[in-house]
Amino acid sequence: MPIKPIDLQTLFMQMNQVSKEQAAAKDGAVLQQSIQGAVLQKKREDEVRSVQKPQADEGAARIGDRESGSAPGGETESRKRSKDTEEPEEPEIVKDPDLGRRIDIQG
């Protein structure tokens, strides 16, 4: 099947459009790679700025609960109870039912 002159004319006019599409496809891969690099860099910066979870170390001991009494350097429950019985937290207030109802006018 031979190529007719009208076909050649159409192909030559389309050459400019084809070259633009090929250049965009070629630059698209480079652009996509640079975008992925920027996203990866941002993730790394966020990881550096954020608080990291501690990794499990054998040398670090866990701090016990205060309620169980196994906290290092803390007080046990029996010591807390003995302090509570010796020193009450609030002083006892005695109220007189006649207080404030009578006025002393003699002076």
N, C-alpha and C. Protein backbone atom coordinates (compact mmCIF):
# COMPACT_ATOMS: atom_id res chain seq x y z
N MET A 1 0.83 -1.16 0.00
CA MET A 1 0.00 0.00 0.00
C MET A 1 0.90 1.25 0.00
N PRO A 2 0.82 2.00 -1.03
CA PRO A 2 1.68 3.17 -1.17
C PRO A 2 1.21 4.33 -0.29
N ILE A 3 2.14 5.23 0.08
CA ILE A 3 1.81 6.42 0.88
C ILE A 3 1.45 7.54 -0.09
N LYS A 4 0.31 8.14 0.13
CA LYS A 4 -0.17 9.23 -0.72
C LYS A 4 0.36 10.56 -0.19
N PRO A 5 0.45 11.54 -1.03
CA PRO A 5 0.96 12.85 -0.59
C PRO A 5 0.12 13.49 0.52
N ILE A 6 -1.14 13.26 0.55
CA ILE A 6 -2.00 13.82 1.60
C ILE A 6 -1.67 13.19 2.95
N ASP A 7 -1.30 11.93 2.93
CA ASP A 7 -0.90 11.25 4.16
C ASP A 7 0.41 11.84 4.70
N LEU A 8 1.35 12.11 3.80
CA LEU A 8 2.61 12.71 4.21
C LEU A 8 2.38 14.09 4.82
N GLN A 9 1.50 14.86 4.20
CA GLN A 9 1.22 16.20 4.71
C GLN A 9 0.62 16.13 6.11
N THR A 10 -0.26 15.20 6.35
CA THR A 10 -0.87 15.04 7.67
C THR A 10 0.16 14.59 8.68
N LEU A 11 1.05 13.68 8.28
CA LEU A 11 2.08 13.19 9.19
C LEU A 11 3.07 14.29 9.57
N PHE A 12 3.45 15.12 8.61
CA PHE A 12 4.39 16.20 8.91
C PHE A 12 3.77 17.22 9.86
N MET A 13 2.50 17.46 9.73
CA MET A 13 1.84 18.42 10.62
C MET A 13 1.72 17.85 12.04
N GLN A 14 1.61 16.55 12.12
CA GLN A 14 1.50 15.90 13.43
C GLN A 14 2.85 15.70 14.11
N MET A 15 3.98 15.88 13.38
CA MET A 15 5.32 15.66 13.92
C MET A 15 5.59 16.56 15.13
N ASN A 16 5.15 17.81 15.08
CA ASN A 16 5.37 18.73 16.18
C ASN A 16 4.63 18.25 17.43
N GLN A 17 3.42 17.79 17.26
CA GLN A 17 2.62 17.29 18.39
C GLN A 17 3.23 16.01 18.96
N VAL A 18 3.72 15.14 18.12
CA VAL A 18 4.32 13.88 18.56
C VAL A 18 5.59 14.16 19.35
N SER A 19 6.39 15.11 18.90
CA SER A 19 7.63 15.41 19.61
C SER A 19 7.33 16.02 20.99
N LYS A 20 6.28 16.82 21.09
CA LYS A 20 5.89 17.38 22.39
C LYS A 20 5.44 16.27 23.35
N GLU A 21 4.69 15.32 22.85
CA GLU A 21 4.20 14.22 23.69
C GLU A 21 5.37 13.34 24.16
N GLN A 22 6.33 13.08 23.28
CA GLN A 22 7.47 12.27 23.66
C GLN A 22 8.36 12.99 24.67
N ALA A 23 8.53 14.28 24.53
CA ALA A 23 9.33 15.04 25.47
C ALA A 23 8.64 15.08 26.84
N ALA A 24 7.31 15.21 26.84
CA ALA A 24 6.57 15.21 28.11
C ALA A 24 6.67 13.86 28.79
N ALA A 25 6.60 12.78 28.02
CA ALA A 25 6.72 11.44 28.61
C ALA A 25 8.13 11.23 29.17
N LYS A 26 9.13 11.73 28.48
CA LYS A 26 10.51 11.59 28.93
C LYS A 26 10.74 12.42 30.20
N ASP A 27 10.25 13.64 30.22
CA ASP A 27 10.40 14.50 31.39
C ASP A 27 9.50 14.05 32.54
N GLY A 28 8.43 13.36 32.22
CA GLY A 28 7.51 12.89 33.26
C GLY A 28 8.17 11.90 34.20
N ALA A 29 9.01 11.03 33.67
CA ALA A 29 9.70 10.05 34.51
C ALA A 29 10.68 10.76 35.45
N VAL A 30 11.39 11.75 34.93
CA VAL A 30 12.34 12.51 35.75
C VAL A 30 11.58 13.30 36.82
N LEU A 31 10.49 13.91 36.43
CA LEU A 31 9.67 14.68 37.36
C LEU A 31 9.09 13.78 38.45
N GLN A 32 8.61 12.62 38.08
CA GLN A 32 8.07 11.68 39.06
C GLN A 32 9.14 11.25 40.06
N GLN A 33 10.34 11.01 39.57
CA GLN A 33 11.43 10.60 40.45
C GLN A 33 11.82 11.73 41.41
N SER A 34 11.83 12.96 40.95
CA SER A 34 12.16 14.07 41.83
C SER A 34 11.07 14.30 42.87
N ILE A 35 9.82 14.09 42.52
CA ILE A 35 8.72 14.22 43.48
C ILE A 35 8.84 13.15 44.57
N GLN A 36 9.14 11.93 44.16
CA GLN A 36 9.31 10.86 45.15
C GLN A 36 10.50 11.13 46.07
N GLY A 37 11.55 11.70 45.54
CA GLY A 37 12.72 12.05 46.35
C GLY A 37 12.36 13.13 47.37
N ALA A 38 11.55 14.11 46.96
CA ALA A 38 11.14 15.18 47.87
C ALA A 38 10.24 14.63 48.99
N VAL A 39 9.35 13.72 48.64
CA VAL A 39 8.48 13.11 49.65
C VAL A 39 9.30 12.30 50.64
N LEU A 40 10.26 11.55 50.16
CA LEU A 40 11.13 10.76 51.03
C LEU A 40 11.95 11.65 51.95
N GLN A 41 12.45 12.75 51.43
CA GLN A 41 13.22 13.70 52.24
C GLN A 41 12.34 14.32 53.33
N LYS A 42 11.10 14.63 53.01
CA LYS A 42 10.18 15.22 54.00
C LYS A 42 9.87 14.21 55.10
N LYS A 43 9.70 12.94 54.73
CA LYS A 43 9.45 11.90 55.74
C LYS A 43 10.64 11.78 56.69
N ARG A 44 11.84 11.83 56.15
CA ARG A 44 13.04 11.74 56.99
C ARG A 44 13.12 12.91 57.95
N GLU A 45 12.82 14.11 57.48
CA GLU A 45 12.85 15.29 58.34
C GLU A 45 11.80 15.18 59.44
N ASP A 46 10.62 14.68 59.11
CA ASP A 46 9.56 14.50 60.11
C ASP A 46 9.97 13.48 61.17
N GLU A 47 10.64 12.41 60.75
CA GLU A 47 11.10 11.40 61.70
C GLU A 47 12.15 11.96 62.64
N VAL A 48 13.01 12.82 62.13
CA VAL A 48 14.05 13.41 62.97
C VAL A 48 13.42 14.35 64.00
N ARG A 49 12.42 15.10 63.61
CA ARG A 49 11.78 16.07 64.51
C ARG A 49 10.80 15.44 65.48
N SER A 50 10.27 14.28 65.17
CA SER A 50 9.26 13.67 66.03
C SER A 50 9.91 12.89 67.17
N VAL A 51 9.09 12.56 68.15
CA VAL A 51 9.55 11.79 69.30
C VAL A 51 9.53 10.31 68.92
N GLN A 52 10.65 9.65 69.16
CA GLN A 52 10.76 8.25 68.80
C GLN A 52 10.40 7.37 69.99
N LYS A 53 9.81 6.22 69.73
CA LYS A 53 9.53 5.25 70.78
C LYS A 53 10.84 4.59 71.20
N PRO A 54 11.00 4.35 72.48
CA PRO A 54 12.25 3.71 72.91
C PRO A 54 12.29 2.25 72.44
N GLN A 55 13.46 1.83 72.07
CA GLN A 55 13.62 0.45 71.66
C GLN A 55 13.87 -0.40 72.89
N ALA A 56 13.50 -1.66 72.82
CA ALA A 56 13.63 -2.55 73.96
C ALA A 56 15.11 -2.80 74.23
N ASP A 57 15.59 -2.32 75.37
CA ASP A 57 16.97 -2.55 75.79
C ASP A 57 16.96 -3.47 76.99
N GLU A 58 17.94 -4.35 77.04
CA GLU A 58 18.02 -5.27 78.16
C GLU A 58 18.50 -4.56 79.42
N GLY A 59 19.28 -3.48 79.28
CA GLY A 59 19.84 -2.78 80.42
C GLY A 59 18.81 -1.92 81.14
N ALA A 60 17.78 -1.48 80.46
CA ALA A 60 16.80 -0.59 81.08
C ALA A 60 15.72 -1.42 81.75
N ALA A 61 15.47 -1.13 83.03
CA ALA A 61 14.43 -1.84 83.78
C ALA A 61 13.15 -1.03 83.75
N ARG A 62 12.04 -1.71 83.79
CA ARG A 62 10.75 -1.06 83.81
C ARG A 62 10.44 -0.54 85.19
N ILE A 63 9.79 0.59 85.25
CA ILE A 63 9.39 1.16 86.53
C ILE A 63 8.06 0.53 86.92
N GLY A 64 7.98 0.05 88.15
CA GLY A 64 6.77 -0.61 88.61
C GLY A 64 5.67 0.38 88.96
N ASP A 65 4.47 -0.12 89.12
CA ASP A 65 3.35 0.72 89.51
C ASP A 65 3.49 1.10 90.97
N ARG A 66 2.98 2.27 91.31
CA ARG A 66 3.05 2.71 92.70
C ARG A 66 2.08 1.93 93.57
N GLU A 67 1.00 1.49 92.99
CA GLU A 67 0.00 0.74 93.77
C GLU A 67 0.53 -0.62 94.20
N SER A 68 1.35 -1.23 93.38
CA SER A 68 1.85 -2.56 93.72
C SER A 68 2.96 -2.50 94.77
N GLY A 69 3.55 -1.32 94.98
CA GLY A 69 4.58 -1.19 95.98
C GLY A 69 5.94 -1.66 95.51
N SER A 70 6.09 -1.93 94.23
CA SER A 70 7.37 -2.43 93.73
C SER A 70 8.16 -1.33 93.02
N ALA A 71 7.77 -0.08 93.22
CA ALA A 71 8.48 1.01 92.57
C ALA A 71 9.83 1.22 93.24
N PRO A 72 10.88 1.31 92.47
CA PRO A 72 12.20 1.51 93.07
C PRO A 72 12.28 2.91 93.69
N GLY A 73 12.73 2.98 94.95
CA GLY A 73 12.86 4.25 95.62
C GLY A 73 11.55 4.81 96.13
N GLY A 74 10.46 4.08 95.96
CA GLY A 74 9.15 4.57 96.39
C GLY A 74 8.73 3.95 97.70
N GLU A 75 7.59 4.37 98.19
CA GLU A 75 7.08 3.84 99.45
C GLU A 75 6.17 2.66 99.18
N THR A 76 6.18 1.71 100.09
CA THR A 76 5.28 0.58 99.95
C THR A 76 3.93 0.97 100.55
N GLU A 77 2.94 0.15 100.31
CA GLU A 77 1.60 0.46 100.79
C GLU A 77 1.52 0.46 102.31
N SER A 78 2.25 -0.42 102.96
CA SER A 78 2.20 -0.49 104.43
C SER A 78 2.75 0.80 105.03
N ARG A 79 3.78 1.37 104.44
CA ARG A 79 4.32 2.63 104.94
C ARG A 79 3.33 3.76 104.72
N LYS A 80 2.65 3.75 103.59
CA LYS A 80 1.66 4.79 103.32
C LYS A 80 0.52 4.70 104.32
N ARG A 81 0.07 3.50 104.60
CA ARG A 81 -1.04 3.32 105.54
C ARG A 81 -0.65 3.77 106.95
N SER A 82 0.59 3.47 107.37
CA SER A 82 1.01 3.87 108.72
C SER A 82 1.10 5.39 108.82
N LYS A 83 1.51 6.07 107.76
CA LYS A 83 1.55 7.53 107.78
C LYS A 83 0.14 8.11 107.83
N ASP A 84 -0.79 7.47 107.14
CA ASP A 84 -2.17 7.96 107.14
C ASP A 84 -2.80 7.85 108.53
N THR A 85 -2.48 6.80 109.26
CA THR A 85 -3.08 6.62 110.58
C THR A 85 -2.46 7.56 111.60
N GLU A 86 -1.19 7.92 111.45
CA GLU A 86 -0.53 8.80 112.40
C GLU A 86 -0.93 10.26 112.19
N GLU A 87 -0.95 10.73 110.97
CA GLU A 87 -1.24 12.13 110.68
C GLU A 87 -2.46 12.21 109.76
N PRO A 88 -3.60 12.60 110.29
CA PRO A 88 -4.75 12.76 109.41
C PRO A 88 -4.53 13.96 108.47
N GLU A 89 -5.03 13.86 107.29
CA GLU A 89 -4.82 14.91 106.30
C GLU A 89 -5.59 16.18 106.65
N GLU A 90 -6.82 16.05 107.10
CA GLU A 90 -7.64 17.21 107.43
C GLU A 90 -7.88 17.24 108.94
N PRO A 91 -7.75 18.40 109.57
CA PRO A 91 -8.02 18.46 111.01
C PRO A 91 -9.53 18.31 111.27
N GLU A 92 -9.84 17.75 112.41
CA GLU A 92 -11.24 17.51 112.76
C GLU A 92 -11.86 18.83 113.21
N ILE A 93 -13.00 19.17 112.66
CA ILE A 93 -13.69 20.41 112.99
C ILE A 93 -14.90 20.08 113.85
N VAL A 94 -14.95 20.71 115.03
CA VAL A 94 -16.07 20.52 115.95
C VAL A 94 -17.00 21.71 115.79
N LYS A 95 -18.27 21.46 115.59
CA LYS A 95 -19.24 22.54 115.42
C LYS A 95 -20.20 22.56 116.60
N ASP A 96 -20.40 23.75 117.09
CA ASP A 96 -21.33 23.97 118.19
C ASP A 96 -22.67 24.38 117.59
N PRO A 97 -23.77 23.69 117.96
CA PRO A 97 -25.06 24.05 117.37
C PRO A 97 -25.55 25.43 117.84
N ASP A 98 -25.10 25.90 119.00
CA ASP A 98 -25.54 27.20 119.50
C ASP A 98 -24.64 28.34 119.03
N LEU A 99 -23.58 28.04 118.36
CA LEU A 99 -22.62 29.06 117.92
C LEU A 99 -23.24 29.92 116.83
N GLY A 100 -23.25 31.25 117.06
CA GLY A 100 -23.76 32.18 116.07
C GLY A 100 -25.24 32.46 116.20
N ARG A 101 -25.92 31.82 117.12
CA ARG A 101 -27.35 32.04 117.28
C ARG A 101 -27.66 33.03 118.42
N ARG A 102 -26.73 33.16 119.32
CA ARG A 102 -26.96 34.06 120.45
C ARG A 102 -25.99 35.22 120.39
N ILE A 103 -26.43 36.37 120.80
CA ILE A 103 -25.61 37.57 120.81
C ILE A 103 -25.34 37.96 122.26
N ASP A 104 -24.07 38.19 122.56
CA ASP A 104 -23.70 38.62 123.93
C ASP A 104 -23.73 40.15 123.96
N ILE A 105 -24.73 40.72 124.62
CA ILE A 105 -24.85 42.18 124.63
C ILE A 105 -24.22 42.78 125.88
N GLN A 106 -23.78 41.99 126.85
CA GLN A 106 -23.18 42.52 128.06
C GLN A 106 -21.74 42.96 127.82
N GLY A 107 -21.05 42.42 126.85
CA GLY A 107 -19.76 42.91 126.47
C GLY A 107 -18.67 42.15 127.00
